């Protein structure tokens, strides 16, 4: 179960927020027992790109055998 402060992976593109599938964010609030979460997405330098409330199927936990990947974001 996903908890507050967990790192999670986005499962869909959210172009209206400048986010892409597989971006990693941090859960800041869990809603209704896990039906949704508010997630903060930041650059590696610490600048917040978006804080978005998402449904449970729009994020997933990070698997043990995954590696992070960096990408440039629009200014």
N, C-alpha and C. Protein backbone atom coordinates (compact mmCIF):
# COMPACT_ATOMS: atom_id res chain seq x y z
N UNK A 1 0.84 -1.19 0.00
CA UNK A 1 0.00 0.00 0.00
C UNK A 1 0.89 1.25 0.00
N UNK A 2 0.53 2.20 -0.79
CA UNK A 2 1.27 3.46 -0.89
C UNK A 2 0.95 4.33 0.32
N UNK A 3 2.03 4.91 0.89
CA UNK A 3 1.90 5.75 2.08
C UNK A 3 2.47 7.14 1.81
N UNK A 4 2.14 8.08 2.68
CA UNK A 4 2.71 9.42 2.59
C UNK A 4 4.23 9.34 2.65
N UNK A 5 4.88 10.14 1.84
CA UNK A 5 6.33 10.26 1.68
C UNK A 5 6.95 9.15 0.84
N UNK A 6 6.14 8.21 0.34
CA UNK A 6 6.65 7.20 -0.59
C UNK A 6 6.97 7.86 -1.93
N UNK A 7 8.00 7.37 -2.59
CA UNK A 7 8.26 7.75 -3.98
C UNK A 7 7.42 6.83 -4.84
N UNK A 8 6.78 7.41 -5.86
CA UNK A 8 5.91 6.64 -6.76
C UNK A 8 6.22 6.99 -8.21
N UNK A 9 5.74 6.15 -9.11
CA UNK A 9 5.96 6.31 -10.54
C UNK A 9 4.63 6.64 -11.21
N UNK A 10 4.63 7.65 -12.05
CA UNK A 10 3.45 8.03 -12.81
C UNK A 10 3.21 7.00 -13.92
N UNK A 11 1.96 6.56 -14.07
CA UNK A 11 1.66 5.53 -15.07
C UNK A 11 1.05 6.08 -16.36
N UNK A 12 0.90 7.39 -16.44
CA UNK A 12 0.30 8.01 -17.63
C UNK A 12 0.90 9.38 -17.85
N UNK A 13 0.88 9.87 -19.07
CA UNK A 13 1.33 11.23 -19.34
C UNK A 13 0.31 12.23 -18.79
N UNK A 14 0.80 13.33 -18.26
CA UNK A 14 -0.04 14.45 -17.82
C UNK A 14 0.52 15.72 -18.44
N UNK A 15 0.34 15.91 -19.76
CA UNK A 15 0.96 17.04 -20.45
C UNK A 15 0.51 18.40 -19.91
N UNK A 16 -0.69 18.49 -19.37
CA UNK A 16 -1.15 19.75 -18.81
C UNK A 16 -0.34 20.19 -17.59
N UNK A 17 0.43 19.25 -17.02
CA UNK A 17 1.29 19.55 -15.87
C UNK A 17 2.78 19.42 -16.23
N UNK A 18 3.07 19.14 -17.50
CA UNK A 18 4.45 18.95 -17.93
C UNK A 18 5.05 17.64 -17.45
N UNK A 19 4.20 16.66 -17.16
CA UNK A 19 4.65 15.38 -16.63
C UNK A 19 4.47 14.27 -17.66
N UNK A 20 5.38 13.28 -17.59
CA UNK A 20 5.34 12.16 -18.52
C UNK A 20 5.31 10.85 -17.76
N UNK A 21 4.74 9.84 -18.41
CA UNK A 21 4.72 8.50 -17.85
C UNK A 21 6.12 8.14 -17.37
N UNK A 22 6.22 7.51 -16.23
CA UNK A 22 7.46 7.06 -15.58
C UNK A 22 8.18 8.15 -14.81
N UNK A 23 7.65 9.39 -14.77
CA UNK A 23 8.22 10.40 -13.87
C UNK A 23 8.02 9.94 -12.43
N UNK A 24 8.95 10.30 -11.56
CA UNK A 24 8.91 9.90 -10.16
C UNK A 24 8.49 11.09 -9.31
N UNK A 25 7.57 10.84 -8.39
CA UNK A 25 7.10 11.89 -7.49
C UNK A 25 7.05 11.37 -6.06
N UNK A 26 6.73 12.28 -5.14
CA UNK A 26 6.62 11.95 -3.72
C UNK A 26 5.20 12.16 -3.26
N UNK A 27 4.63 11.16 -2.61
CA UNK A 27 3.27 11.25 -2.09
C UNK A 27 3.27 12.20 -0.89
N UNK A 28 2.42 13.22 -0.96
CA UNK A 28 2.31 14.16 0.16
C UNK A 28 1.03 13.96 0.95
N UNK A 29 0.04 13.28 0.35
CA UNK A 29 -1.21 13.02 1.05
C UNK A 29 -1.92 11.84 0.39
N UNK A 30 -2.42 10.92 1.21
CA UNK A 30 -3.19 9.78 0.72
C UNK A 30 -4.66 10.08 0.99
N UNK A 31 -5.51 9.85 -0.01
CA UNK A 31 -6.93 10.16 0.10
C UNK A 31 -7.77 8.89 0.19
N UNK A 32 -8.77 8.93 1.03
CA UNK A 32 -9.79 7.88 1.14
C UNK A 32 -9.21 6.48 1.15
N UNK A 33 -8.26 6.24 2.05
CA UNK A 33 -7.70 4.91 2.21
C UNK A 33 -6.93 4.39 1.02
N UNK A 34 -6.45 5.27 0.17
CA UNK A 34 -5.63 4.86 -0.97
C UNK A 34 -6.33 4.94 -2.32
N UNK A 35 -7.55 5.49 -2.37
CA UNK A 35 -8.24 5.64 -3.65
C UNK A 35 -7.57 6.68 -4.53
N UNK A 36 -6.80 7.56 -3.92
CA UNK A 36 -6.06 8.59 -4.64
C UNK A 36 -4.97 9.15 -3.77
N UNK A 37 -4.11 9.95 -4.38
CA UNK A 37 -2.99 10.57 -3.65
C UNK A 37 -2.69 11.93 -4.25
N UNK A 38 -2.19 12.83 -3.42
CA UNK A 38 -1.61 14.06 -3.90
C UNK A 38 -0.10 13.82 -3.97
N UNK A 39 0.48 14.09 -5.13
CA UNK A 39 1.88 13.77 -5.39
C UNK A 39 2.61 15.02 -5.85
N UNK A 40 3.80 15.25 -5.31
CA UNK A 40 4.65 16.36 -5.72
C UNK A 40 5.73 15.83 -6.66
N UNK A 41 5.88 16.51 -7.80
CA UNK A 41 6.90 16.17 -8.78
C UNK A 41 7.91 17.31 -8.81
N UNK A 42 9.20 16.98 -8.67
CA UNK A 42 10.26 17.99 -8.58
C UNK A 42 11.39 17.66 -9.55
N UNK A 43 12.13 18.72 -9.93
CA UNK A 43 13.36 18.49 -10.69
C UNK A 43 14.40 17.94 -9.72
N UNK A 44 15.50 17.43 -10.27
CA UNK A 44 16.57 16.93 -9.42
C UNK A 44 17.24 18.04 -8.62
N UNK A 45 17.07 19.29 -9.05
CA UNK A 45 17.61 20.44 -8.33
C UNK A 45 16.68 20.91 -7.22
N UNK A 46 15.49 20.30 -7.10
CA UNK A 46 14.59 20.64 -6.01
C UNK A 46 13.47 21.60 -6.34
N UNK A 47 13.32 21.98 -7.62
CA UNK A 47 12.24 22.89 -8.01
C UNK A 47 10.97 22.09 -8.24
N UNK A 48 9.89 22.49 -7.57
CA UNK A 48 8.61 21.81 -7.75
C UNK A 48 8.04 22.12 -9.13
N UNK A 49 7.71 21.07 -9.88
CA UNK A 49 7.08 21.22 -11.20
C UNK A 49 5.57 21.21 -11.07
N UNK A 50 5.06 20.33 -10.22
CA UNK A 50 3.61 20.19 -10.08
C UNK A 50 3.29 19.45 -8.79
N UNK A 51 2.16 19.80 -8.23
CA UNK A 51 1.56 19.05 -7.14
C UNK A 51 0.17 18.67 -7.65
N UNK A 52 -0.04 17.37 -7.82
CA UNK A 52 -1.22 16.89 -8.53
C UNK A 52 -1.93 15.83 -7.70
N UNK A 53 -3.26 15.90 -7.67
CA UNK A 53 -4.06 14.85 -7.05
C UNK A 53 -4.40 13.83 -8.12
N UNK A 54 -4.06 12.57 -7.85
CA UNK A 54 -4.18 11.50 -8.83
C UNK A 54 -4.99 10.34 -8.28
N UNK A 55 -5.62 9.59 -9.17
CA UNK A 55 -6.29 8.36 -8.80
C UNK A 55 -5.24 7.26 -8.60
N UNK A 56 -5.60 6.25 -7.85
CA UNK A 56 -4.66 5.17 -7.53
C UNK A 56 -4.08 4.50 -8.77
N UNK A 57 -4.85 4.41 -9.86
CA UNK A 57 -4.33 3.74 -11.06
C UNK A 57 -3.42 4.63 -11.91
N UNK A 58 -3.21 5.87 -11.49
CA UNK A 58 -2.31 6.77 -12.22
C UNK A 58 -0.90 6.76 -11.66
N UNK A 59 -0.70 6.02 -10.56
CA UNK A 59 0.64 5.89 -9.96
C UNK A 59 0.85 4.45 -9.56
N UNK A 60 2.12 4.11 -9.35
CA UNK A 60 2.46 2.78 -8.83
C UNK A 60 3.70 2.89 -7.96
N UNK A 61 3.91 1.87 -7.15
CA UNK A 61 5.11 1.83 -6.33
C UNK A 61 6.32 1.56 -7.21
N UNK A 62 7.48 1.98 -6.74
CA UNK A 62 8.73 1.70 -7.43
C UNK A 62 9.13 0.25 -7.16
N UNK A 63 9.50 -0.47 -8.21
CA UNK A 63 9.94 -1.86 -8.06
C UNK A 63 11.40 -1.91 -7.62
N UNK A 64 11.77 -2.98 -6.97
CA UNK A 64 13.13 -3.14 -6.43
C UNK A 64 14.20 -3.17 -7.51
N UNK A 65 13.84 -3.59 -8.73
CA UNK A 65 14.85 -3.75 -9.78
C UNK A 65 14.83 -2.62 -10.81
N UNK A 66 14.30 -1.44 -10.42
CA UNK A 66 14.25 -0.30 -11.35
C UNK A 66 15.37 0.69 -11.06
N UNK A 67 15.71 1.46 -12.09
CA UNK A 67 16.71 2.51 -11.98
C UNK A 67 16.07 3.83 -12.43
N UNK A 68 16.43 4.93 -11.79
CA UNK A 68 15.90 6.23 -12.17
C UNK A 68 16.53 6.69 -13.49
N UNK A 69 15.81 7.51 -14.22
CA UNK A 69 16.28 8.03 -15.51
C UNK A 69 15.96 9.53 -15.54
N UNK A 70 16.90 10.36 -15.95
CA UNK A 70 16.69 11.80 -15.99
C UNK A 70 16.24 12.23 -17.37
N UNK A 71 15.40 13.30 -17.42
CA UNK A 71 14.98 13.90 -18.68
C UNK A 71 14.86 15.40 -18.46
N UNK A 72 15.01 16.16 -19.52
CA UNK A 72 14.86 17.62 -19.45
C UNK A 72 13.38 17.95 -19.46
N UNK A 73 13.01 19.03 -18.76
CA UNK A 73 11.63 19.50 -18.77
C UNK A 73 11.58 20.87 -19.42
N UNK A 74 10.44 21.20 -19.98
CA UNK A 74 10.26 22.50 -20.61
C UNK A 74 10.38 23.61 -19.57
N UNK A 75 10.96 24.72 -19.98
CA UNK A 75 11.15 25.85 -19.05
C UNK A 75 9.85 26.52 -18.71
